[in-house]
Protein backbone atom coordinates (compact mmCIF):
# COMPACT_ATOMS: atom_id res chain seq x y z
CA MET A 1 -0.52 -0.13 -0.21
CA GLU A 2 1.59 3.47 -0.82
CA ASN A 3 1.39 6.26 1.38
CA GLN A 4 -0.04 9.16 0.00
CA SER A 5 -0.66 12.54 1.89
CA TRP A 6 -4.19 14.30 1.29
CA ARG A 7 -2.09 17.43 1.41
CA LYS A 8 -0.77 18.97 -1.56
CA GLU A 9 1.02 22.09 -0.44
CA PRO A 10 2.92 22.15 2.69
CA ARG A 11 1.38 23.77 5.26
CA LYS A 12 1.73 27.60 5.59
CA ASN A 13 3.64 29.90 7.87
CA TYR A 14 1.82 33.51 8.32
CA SER A 15 3.28 36.53 9.91
CA ASN A 16 2.23 37.23 13.87
CA ASP A 17 2.09 40.64 11.83
CA PHE A 18 -0.39 39.01 9.70
CA LYS A 19 -1.97 37.25 12.20
CA LEU A 20 -2.44 39.72 14.66
CA ARG A 21 -4.46 42.34 11.28
CA MET A 22 -6.57 39.01 10.67
CA VAL A 23 -7.87 38.91 13.98
CA GLU A 24 -8.33 42.80 14.39
CA LEU A 25 -9.93 43.24 11.15
CA ALA A 26 -12.42 40.19 12.37
CA SER A 27 -12.75 41.57 15.60
CA ARG A 28 -14.94 44.95 14.41
CA PRO A 29 -17.82 45.34 15.00
CA GLY A 30 -19.59 43.70 11.82
CA ALA A 31 -16.37 41.85 10.49
CA CYS A 32 -17.25 38.70 8.08
CA VAL A 33 -14.58 36.64 8.70
CA ALA A 34 -15.41 34.78 5.38
CA GLN A 35 -15.26 37.86 3.59
CA ILE A 36 -11.42 38.55 5.21
CA ALA A 37 -10.52 34.95 5.12
CA ARG A 38 -11.51 34.90 1.26
CA GLU A 39 -9.62 38.29 0.32
CA ASN A 40 -6.24 37.70 1.58
CA GLY A 41 -6.44 34.07 0.67
CA ILE A 42 -7.06 31.57 3.43
CA ASN A 43 -10.12 29.71 5.46
CA ASP A 44 -12.37 31.64 7.29
CA ASN A 45 -11.65 28.75 10.20
CA VAL A 46 -8.10 29.64 10.41
CA ILE A 47 -9.26 33.12 12.18
CA PHE A 48 -11.46 31.92 13.54
CA LYS A 49 -8.69 29.84 15.71
CA TRP A 50 -6.27 32.85 15.58
CA LEU A 51 -9.16 34.85 17.00
CA ARG A 52 -9.35 31.40 20.09
CA LEU A 53 -5.87 31.61 20.50
CA TRP A 54 -6.26 35.40 21.01
CA GLN A 55 -8.63 35.64 23.09
CA ASP A 56 -8.00 32.67 25.04
CA GLU A 57 -4.04 33.53 25.47
CA GLY A 58 -4.05 37.42 24.90
CA ARG A 59 -0.91 36.33 21.99
CA ILE A 60 -0.58 34.55 19.05
CA SER A 61 2.71 32.17 19.19
CA ARG A 62 4.94 31.57 16.15
CA ARG A 63 5.83 28.63 16.28
CA LEU A 64 1.43 27.88 15.49
CA PRO A 65 1.58 26.95 11.41
CA ALA A 66 -1.45 28.56 9.19
């Protein structure tokens, strides 16, 4: 049996500045996370994860991928 990964591309790593900017945009009143994600070429679940990390820990770790 062949060992094939379902992931075709390597995992992306985003800078802390980019993550923080996405969190700031998504935290604005009336912000649409799906639209912000689409405009920046990322999945909206990634932004929701960053929002949760920011709210829980007050920071977004550089060590965390996407």
